[in-house]
């Protein structure tokens, strides 16, 4: 096994998946790729209100924190991580 893909969403099961991916990466000296997928927001049109952009910024920052936490945990064991 050379590559491991783990999807995260901030949930407890996803955190357990990160732990398992980290352990497997150490065991097999594998590269880990961490990913997060979100559903689309709205209709795809550009909204005119500021609240939408504040919500989008909040979502971006939350997703970044989720990915950073997963990468930090996996890097504790030394494997390369791509987010």
PDB file of N, CA and C in Angstrom:
ATOM      1  N   UNK A   1       0.853  -1.161   0.000  1.00  0.00           N
ATOM      2  CA  UNK A   1       0.000   0.000   0.000  1.00  0.00           C
ATOM      3  C   UNK A   1       0.908   1.235   0.000  1.00  0.00           C
ATOM      4  N   UNK A   2       0.710   2.073  -0.999  1.00  0.00           N
ATOM      5  CA  UNK A   2       1.559   3.261  -1.128  1.00  0.00           C
ATOM      6  C   UNK A   2       0.813   4.560  -0.846  1.00  0.00           C
ATOM      7  N   UNK A   3      -0.477   4.571  -1.093  1.00  0.00           N
ATOM      8  CA  UNK A   3      -1.272   5.783  -0.918  1.00  0.00           C
ATOM      9  C   UNK A   3      -2.561   5.465  -0.162  1.00  0.00           C
ATOM     10  N   UNK A   4      -2.934   6.408   0.717  1.00  0.00           N
ATOM     11  CA  UNK A   4      -4.164   6.279   1.488  1.00  0.00           C
ATOM     12  C   UNK A   4      -4.953   7.568   1.315  1.00  0.00           C
ATOM     13  N   UNK A   5      -6.239   7.448   1.001  1.00  0.00           N
ATOM     14  CA  UNK A   5      -7.135   8.589   0.874  1.00  0.00           C
ATOM     15  C   UNK A   5      -8.118   8.548   2.029  1.00  0.00           C
ATOM     16  N   UNK A   6      -8.207   9.642   2.789  1.00  0.00           N
ATOM     17  CA  UNK A   6      -9.157   9.705   3.894  1.00  0.00           C
ATOM     18  C   UNK A   6      -9.975  10.992   3.762  1.00  0.00           C
ATOM     19  N   UNK A   7     -11.296  10.833   3.838  1.00  0.00           N
ATOM     20  CA  UNK A   7     -12.204  11.978   3.754  1.00  0.00           C
ATOM     21  C   UNK A   7     -12.595  12.393   5.164  1.00  0.00           C
ATOM     22  N   UNK A   8     -12.634  13.700   5.407  1.00  0.00           N
ATOM     23  CA  UNK A   8     -12.976  14.216   6.731  1.00  0.00           C
ATOM     24  C   UNK A   8     -14.116  15.218   6.640  1.00  0.00           C
ATOM     25  N   UNK A   9     -14.917  15.255   7.726  1.00  0.00           N
ATOM     26  CA  UNK A   9     -16.003  16.229   7.796  1.00  0.00           C
ATOM     27  C   UNK A   9     -16.136  16.835   9.186  1.00  0.00           C
ATOM     28  N   UNK A  10     -15.173  16.545  10.054  1.00  0.00           N
ATOM     29  CA  UNK A  10     -15.204  17.080  11.403  1.00  0.00           C
ATOM     30  C   UNK A  10     -15.929  16.195  12.398  1.00  0.00           C
ATOM     31  N   UNK A  11     -16.527  15.106  11.949  1.00  0.00           N
ATOM     32  CA  UNK A  11     -17.278  14.225  12.831  1.00  0.00           C
ATOM     33  C   UNK A  11     -16.345  13.262  13.570  1.00  0.00           C
ATOM     34  N   UNK A  12     -16.880  12.638  14.605  1.00  0.00           N
ATOM     35  CA  UNK A  12     -16.125  11.647  15.364  1.00  0.00           C
ATOM     36  C   UNK A  12     -15.718  10.451  14.487  1.00  0.00           C
ATOM     37  N   UNK A  13     -16.606   9.907  13.649  1.00  0.00           N
ATOM     38  CA  UNK A  13     -16.169   8.811  12.769  1.00  0.00           C
ATOM     39  C   UNK A  13     -15.033   9.234  11.828  1.00  0.00           C
ATOM     40  N   UNK A  14     -15.073  10.461  11.350  1.00  0.00           N
ATOM     41  CA  UNK A  14     -13.998  10.930  10.473  1.00  0.00           C
ATOM     42  C   UNK A  14     -12.687  11.045  11.242  1.00  0.00           C
ATOM     43  N   UNK A  15     -12.757  11.460  12.494  1.00  0.00           N
ATOM     44  CA  UNK A  15     -11.540  11.533  13.305  1.00  0.00           C
ATOM     45  C   UNK A  15     -10.952  10.142  13.527  1.00  0.00           C
ATOM     46  N   UNK A  16     -11.828   9.161  13.713  1.00  0.00           N
ATOM     47  CA  UNK A  16     -11.348   7.780  13.841  1.00  0.00           C
ATOM     48  C   UNK A  16     -10.713   7.299  12.538  1.00  0.00           C
ATOM     49  N   UNK A  17     -11.286   7.713  11.400  1.00  0.00           N
ATOM     50  CA  UNK A  17     -10.707   7.355  10.106  1.00  0.00           C
ATOM     51  C   UNK A  17      -9.321   7.962   9.945  1.00  0.00           C
ATOM     52  N   UNK A  18      -9.133   9.195  10.422  1.00  0.00           N
ATOM     53  CA  UNK A  18      -7.817   9.838  10.379  1.00  0.00           C
ATOM     54  C   UNK A  18      -6.824   9.052  11.228  1.00  0.00           C
ATOM     55  N   UNK A  19      -7.262   8.643  12.419  1.00  0.00           N
ATOM     56  CA  UNK A  19      -6.389   7.840  13.285  1.00  0.00           C
ATOM     57  C   UNK A  19      -5.972   6.548  12.578  1.00  0.00           C
ATOM     58  N   UNK A  20      -6.934   5.889  11.955  1.00  0.00           N
ATOM     59  CA  UNK A  20      -6.630   4.643  11.256  1.00  0.00           C
ATOM     60  C   UNK A  20      -5.685   4.898  10.081  1.00  0.00           C
ATOM     61  N   UNK A  21      -5.933   5.975   9.326  1.00  0.00           N
ATOM     62  CA  UNK A  21      -5.066   6.312   8.191  1.00  0.00           C
ATOM     63  C   UNK A  21      -3.649   6.604   8.672  1.00  0.00           C
ATOM     64  N   UNK A  22      -3.538   7.308   9.797  1.00  0.00           N
ATOM     65  CA  UNK A  22      -2.208   7.616  10.341  1.00  0.00           C
ATOM     66  C   UNK A  22      -1.472   6.339  10.728  1.00  0.00           C
ATOM     67  N   UNK A  23      -2.171   5.435  11.400  1.00  0.00           N
ATOM     68  CA  UNK A  23      -1.548   4.167  11.791  1.00  0.00           C
ATOM     69  C   UNK A  23      -1.130   3.354  10.573  1.00  0.00           C
ATOM     70  N   UNK A  24      -2.000   3.295   9.571  1.00  0.00           N
ATOM     71  CA  UNK A  24      -1.669   2.536   8.357  1.00  0.00           C
ATOM     72  C   UNK A  24      -0.508   3.184   7.614  1.00  0.00           C
ATOM     73  N   UNK A  25      -0.461   4.508   7.590  1.00  0.00           N
ATOM     74  CA  UNK A  25       0.621   5.199   6.895  1.00  0.00           C
ATOM     75  C   UNK A  25       1.966   4.886   7.535  1.00  0.00           C
ATOM     76  N   UNK A  26       1.982   4.841   8.851  1.00  0.00           N
ATOM     77  CA  UNK A  26       3.225   4.490   9.550  1.00  0.00           C
ATOM     78  C   UNK A  26       3.599   3.046   9.246  1.00  0.00           C
ATOM     79  N   UNK A  27       2.625   2.160   9.345  1.00  0.00           N
ATOM     80  CA  UNK A  27       2.883   0.730   9.145  1.00  0.00           C
ATOM     81  C   UNK A  27       3.397   0.435   7.739  1.00  0.00           C
ATOM     82  N   UNK A  28       2.789   1.073   6.730  1.00  0.00           N
ATOM     83  CA  UNK A  28       3.129   0.768   5.344  1.00  0.00           C
ATOM     84  C   UNK A  28       4.002   1.830   4.680  1.00  0.00           C
ATOM     85  N   UNK A  29       4.430   2.837   5.449  1.00  0.00           N
ATOM     86  CA  UNK A  29       5.211   3.950   4.916  1.00  0.00           C
ATOM     87  C   UNK A  29       4.520   4.538   3.684  1.00  0.00           C
ATOM     88  N   UNK A  30       3.236   4.816   3.855  1.00  0.00           N
ATOM     89  CA  UNK A  30       2.402   5.280   2.749  1.00  0.00           C
ATOM     90  C   UNK A  30       2.188   6.794   2.826  1.00  0.00           C
ATOM     91  N   UNK A  31       1.824   7.362   1.705  1.00  0.00           N
ATOM     92  CA  UNK A  31       1.460   8.780   1.630  1.00  0.00           C
ATOM     93  C   UNK A  31      -0.035   8.903   1.886  1.00  0.00           C
ATOM     94  N   UNK A  32      -0.432   9.903   2.670  1.00  0.00           N
ATOM     95  CA  UNK A  32      -1.836  10.113   2.996  1.00  0.00           C
ATOM     96  C   UNK A  32      -2.332  11.378   2.310  1.00  0.00           C
ATOM     97  N   UNK A  33      -3.469  11.276   1.666  1.00  0.00           N
ATOM     98  CA  UNK A  33      -4.153  12.438   1.106  1.00  0.00           C
ATOM     99  C   UNK A  33      -5.443  12.627   1.889  1.00  0.00           C
ATOM    100  N   UNK A  34      -5.622  13.828   2.438  1.00  0.00           N
ATOM    101  CA  UNK A  34      -6.825  14.157   3.196  1.00  0.00           C
ATOM    102  C   UNK A  34      -7.704  15.045   2.326  1.00  0.00           C
ATOM    103  N   UNK A  35      -9.000  14.735   2.283  1.00  0.00           N
ATOM    104  CA  UNK A  35      -9.907  15.511   1.447  1.00  0.00           C
ATOM    105  C   UNK A  35     -11.184  15.852   2.205  1.00  0.00           C
ATOM    106  N   UNK A  36     -11.824  16.894   1.750  1.00  0.00           N
ATOM    107  CA  UNK A  36     -13.113  17.312   2.301  1.00  0.00           C
ATOM    108  C   UNK A  36     -13.950  17.809   1.133  1.00  0.00           C
ATOM    109  N   UNK A  37     -15.185  17.343   1.035  1.00  0.00           N
ATOM    110  CA  UNK A  37     -16.068  17.733  -0.058  1.00  0.00           C
ATOM    111  C   UNK A  37     -17.297  18.386   0.542  1.00  0.00           C
ATOM    112  N   UNK A  38     -17.748  19.471  -0.074  1.00  0.00           N
ATOM    113  CA  UNK A  38     -18.955  20.138   0.416  1.00  0.00           C
ATOM    114  C   UNK A  38     -19.997  20.158  -0.684  1.00  0.00           C
ATOM    115  N   UNK A  39     -21.230  20.293  -0.260  1.00  0.00           N
ATOM    116  CA  UNK A  39     -22.307  20.441  -1.229  1.00  0.00           C
ATOM    117  C   UNK A  39     -22.308  21.878  -1.731  1.00  0.00           C
ATOM    118  N   UNK A  40     -22.944  22.109  -2.844  1.00  0.00           N
ATOM    119  CA  UNK A  40     -22.985  23.457  -3.394  1.00  0.00           C
ATOM    120  C   UNK A  40     -23.880  24.352  -2.552  1.00  0.00           C
ATOM    121  N   UNK A  41     -23.615  25.626  -2.616  1.00  0.00           N
ATOM    122  CA  UNK A  41     -24.420  26.610  -1.894  1.00  0.00           C
ATOM    123  C   UNK A  41     -25.282  27.356  -2.891  1.00  0.00           C
ATOM    124  N   UNK A  42     -26.565  27.331  -2.691  1.00  0.00           N
ATOM    125  CA  UNK A  42     -27.453  28.139  -3.508  1.00  0.00           C
ATOM    126  C   UNK A  42     -27.562  27.660  -4.942  1.00  0.00           C
ATOM    127  N   UNK A  43     -27.881  28.599  -5.824  1.00  0.00           N
ATOM    128  CA  UNK A  43     -28.179  28.278  -7.215  1.00  0.00           C
ATOM    129  C   UNK A  43     -26.993  28.481  -8.155  1.00  0.00           C
ATOM    130  N   UNK A  44     -25.882  28.950  -7.622  1.00  0.00           N
ATOM    131  CA  UNK A  44     -24.740  29.226  -8.477  1.00  0.00           C
ATOM    132  C   UNK A  44     -24.689  30.665  -8.935  1.00  0.00           C
ATOM    133  N   UNK A  45     -25.720  31.418  -8.641  1.00  0.00           N
ATOM    134  CA  UNK A  45     -25.716  32.837  -8.975  1.00  0.00           C
ATOM    135  C   UNK A  45     -24.986  33.605  -7.877  1.00  0.00           C
ATOM    136  N   UNK A  46     -24.440  34.738  -8.229  1.00  0.00           N
ATOM    137  CA  UNK A  46     -23.720  35.552  -7.260  1.00  0.00           C
ATOM    138  C   UNK A  46     -24.740  36.368  -6.467  1.00  0.00           C
ATOM    139  N   UNK A  47     -24.843  36.122  -5.170  1.00  0.00           N
ATOM    140  CA  UNK A  47     -25.809  36.865  -4.365  1.00  0.00           C
ATOM    141  C   UNK A  47     -25.306  38.273  -4.059  1.00  0.00           C
ATOM    142  N   UNK A  48     -26.232  39.138  -3.739  1.00  0.00           N
ATOM    143  CA  UNK A  48     -25.862  40.524  -3.480  1.00  0.00           C
ATOM    144  C   UNK A  48     -25.703  40.859  -2.018  1.00  0.00           C
ATOM    145  N   UNK A  49     -26.072  39.959  -1.108  1.00  0.00           N
ATOM    146  CA  UNK A  49     -26.008  40.346   0.301  1.00  0.00           C
ATOM    147  C   UNK A  49     -24.725  39.865   0.971  1.00  0.00           C
ATOM    148  N   UNK A  50     -24.300  40.617   1.948  1.00  0.00           N
ATOM    149  CA  UNK A  50     -23.066  40.342   2.666  1.00  0.00           C
ATOM    150  C   UNK A  50     -23.171  39.081   3.516  1.00  0.00           C
ATOM    151  N   UNK A  51     -24.362  38.746   3.978  1.00  0.00           N
ATOM    152  CA  UNK A  51     -24.545  37.577   4.834  1.00  0.00           C
ATOM    153  C   UNK A  51     -24.076  36.301   4.137  1.00  0.00           C
ATOM    154  N   UNK A  52     -24.320  36.196   2.845  1.00  0.00           N
ATOM    155  CA  UNK A  52     -23.886  35.019   2.094  1.00  0.00           C
ATOM    156  C   UNK A  52     -22.367  34.878   2.150  1.00  0.00           C
ATOM    157  N   UNK A  53     -21.658  35.980   1.963  1.00  0.00           N
ATOM    158  CA  UNK A  53     -20.197  35.933   1.959  1.00  0.00           C
ATOM    159  C   UNK A  53     -19.643  35.660   3.357  1.00  0.00           C
ATOM    160  N   UNK A  54     -20.326  36.150   4.380  1.00  0.00           N
ATOM    161  CA  UNK A  54     -19.918  35.832   5.743  1.00  0.00           C
ATOM    162  C   UNK A  54     -20.099  34.344   6.009  1.00  0.00           C
ATOM    163  N   UNK A  55     -21.199  33.778   5.526  1.00  0.00           N
ATOM    164  CA  UNK A  55     -21.438  32.348   5.680  1.00  0.00           C
ATOM    165  C   UNK A  55     -20.381  31.548   4.922  1.00  0.00           C
ATOM    166  N   UNK A  56     -20.068  31.960   3.736  1.00  0.00           N
ATOM    167  CA  UNK A  56     -19.061  31.279   2.932  1.00  0.00           C
ATOM    168  C   UNK A  56     -17.694  31.328   3.614  1.00  0.00           C
ATOM    169  N   UNK A  57     -17.343  32.473   4.172  1.00  0.00           N
ATOM    170  CA  UNK A  57     -16.070  32.600   4.880  1.00  0.00           C
ATOM    171  C   UNK A  57     -16.036  31.667   6.084  1.00  0.00           C
ATOM    172  N   UNK A  58     -17.146  31.594   6.816  1.00  0.00           N
ATOM    173  CA  UNK A  58     -17.220  30.710   7.973  1.00  0.00           C
ATOM    174  C   UNK A  58     -17.023  29.248   7.534  1.00  0.00           C
ATOM    175  N   UNK A  59     -17.681  28.856   6.462  1.00  0.00           N
ATOM    176  CA  UNK A  59     -17.542  27.491   5.956  1.00  0.00           C
ATOM    177  C   UNK A  59     -16.094  27.221   5.558  1.00  0.00           C
ATOM    178  N   UNK A  60     -15.469  28.159   4.855  1.00  0.00           N
ATOM    179  CA  UNK A  60     -14.074  27.982   4.432  1.00  0.00           C
ATOM    180  C   UNK A  60     -13.158  27.810   5.642  1.00  0.00           C
ATOM    181  N   UNK A  61     -13.312  28.669   6.648  1.00  0.00           N
ATOM    182  CA  UNK A  61     -12.453  28.595   7.826  1.00  0.00           C
ATOM    183  C   UNK A  61     -12.678  27.296   8.598  1.00  0.00           C
ATOM    184  N   UNK A  62     -13.920  26.845   8.673  1.00  0.00           N
ATOM    185  CA  UNK A  62     -14.224  25.587   9.344  1.00  0.00           C
ATOM    186  C   UNK A  62     -13.585  24.418   8.604  1.00  0.00           C
ATOM    187  N   UNK A  63     -13.717  24.407   7.290  1.00  0.00           N
ATOM    188  CA  UNK A  63     -13.116  23.331   6.493  1.00  0.00           C
ATOM    189  C   UNK A  63     -11.598  23.340   6.620  1.00  0.00           C
ATOM    190  N   UNK A  64     -10.996  24.515   6.598  1.00  0.00           N
ATOM    191  CA  UNK A  64      -9.540  24.624   6.738  1.00  0.00           C
ATOM    192  C   UNK A  64      -9.097  24.065   8.086  1.00  0.00           C
ATOM    193  N   UNK A  65      -9.838  24.358   9.147  1.00  0.00           N
ATOM    194  CA  UNK A  65      -9.495  23.850  10.474  1.00  0.00           C
ATOM    195  C   UNK A  65      -9.602  22.330  10.532  1.00  0.00           C
ATOM    196  N   UNK A  66     -10.627  21.772   9.893  1.00  0.00           N
ATOM    197  CA  UNK A  66     -10.796  20.319   9.857  1.00  0.00           C
ATOM    198  C   UNK A  66      -9.614  19.667   9.146  1.00  0.00           C
ATOM    199  N   UNK A  67      -9.238  20.198   7.992  1.00  0.00           N
ATOM    200  CA  UNK A  67      -8.118  19.632   7.236  1.00  0.00           C
ATOM    201  C   UNK A  67      -6.798  19.807   7.977  1.00  0.00           C
ATOM    202  N   UNK A  68      -6.599  20.975   8.589  1.00  0.00           N
ATOM    203  CA  UNK A  68      -5.356  21.220   9.335  1.00  0.00           C
ATOM    204  C   UNK A  68      -5.209  20.248  10.504  1.00  0.00           C
ATOM    205  N   UNK A  69      -6.308  20.009  11.229  1.00  0.00           N
ATOM    206  CA  UNK A  69      -6.264  19.079  12.360  1.00  0.00           C
ATOM    207  C   UNK A  69      -5.933  17.669  11.899  1.00  0.00           C
ATOM    208  N   UNK A  70      -6.519  17.247  10.791  1.00  0.00           N
ATOM    209  CA  UNK A  70      -6.231  15.908  10.264  1.00  0.00           C
ATOM    210  C   UNK A  70      -4.775  15.808   9.824  1.00  0.00           C
ATOM    211  N   UNK A  71      -4.286  16.817   9.125  1.00  0.00           N
ATOM    212  CA  UNK A  71      -2.894  16.802   8.666  1.00  0.00           C
ATOM    213  C   UNK A  71      -1.932  16.799   9.841  1.00  0.00           C
ATOM    214  N   UNK A  72      -2.246  17.571  10.880  1.00  0.00           N
ATOM    215  CA  UNK A  72      -1.387  17.614  12.064  1.00  0.00           C
ATOM    216  C   UNK A  72      -1.313  16.242  12.730  1.00  0.00           C
ATOM    217  N   UNK A  73      -2.453  15.585  12.866  1.00  0.00           N
ATOM    218  CA  UNK A  73      -2.463  14.258  13.489  1.00  0.00           C
ATOM    219  C   UNK A  73      -1.678  13.250  12.667  1.00  0.00           C
ATOM    220  N   UNK A  74      -1.867  13.266  11.375  1.00  0.00           N
ATOM    221  CA  UNK A  74      -1.172  12.304  10.524  1.00  0.00           C
ATOM    222  C   UNK A  74       0.325  12.587  10.501  1.00  0.00           C
ATOM    223  N   UNK A  75       0.717  13.844  10.522  1.00  0.00           N
ATOM    224  CA  UNK A  75       2.136  14.204  10.489  1.00  0.00           C
ATOM    225  C   UNK A  75       2.872  13.823  11.761  1.00  0.00           C
ATOM    226  N   UNK A  76       2.156  13.547  12.839  1.00  0.00           N
ATOM    227  CA  UNK A  76       2.806  13.118  14.073  1.00  0.00           C
ATOM    228  C   UNK A  76       3.609  11.842  13.855  1.00  0.00           C
ATOM    229  N   UNK A  77       3.140  11.004  12.941  1.00  0.00           N
ATOM    230  CA  UNK A  77       3.832   9.746  12.668  1.00  0.00           C
ATOM    231  C   UNK A  77       4.887   9.851  11.592  1.00  0.00           C
ATOM    232  N   UNK A  78       4.958  10.995  10.915  1.00  0.00           N
ATOM    233  CA  UNK A  78       6.005  11.209   9.944  1.00  0.00           C
ATOM    234  C   UNK A  78       5.639  11.082   8.479  1.00  0.00           C
ATOM    235  N   UNK A  79       4.487  10.505   8.120  1.00  0.00           N
ATOM    236  CA  UNK A  79       4.207  10.365   6.679  1.00  0.00           C
ATOM    237  C   UNK A  79       3.911  11.710   6.032  1.00  0.00           C
ATOM    238  N   UNK A  80       4.058  11.746   4.743  1.00  0.00           N
ATOM    239  CA  UNK A  80       3.697  12.949   3.989  1.00  0.00           C
ATOM    240  C   UNK A  80       2.190  13.044   3.879  1.00  0.00           C
ATOM    241  N   UNK A  81       1.686  14.266   4.031  1.00  0.00           N
ATOM    242  CA  UNK A  81       0.244  14.480   3.955  1.00  0.00           C
ATOM    243  C   UNK A  81      -0.028  15.539   2.927  1.00  0.00           C
ATOM    244  N   UNK A  82      -1.070  15.303   2.098  1.00  0.00           N
ATOM    245  CA  UNK A  82      -1.536  16.302   1.147  1.00  0.00           C
ATOM    246  C   UNK A  82      -2.978  16.621   1.478  1.00  0.00           C
ATOM    247  N   UNK A  83      -3.278  17.887   1.599  1.00  0.00           N
ATOM    248  CA  UNK A  83      -4.652  18.306   1.893  1.00  0.00           C
ATOM    249  C   UNK A  83      -5.168  19.144   0.738  1.00  0.00           C
TER     250      UNK A  83
END
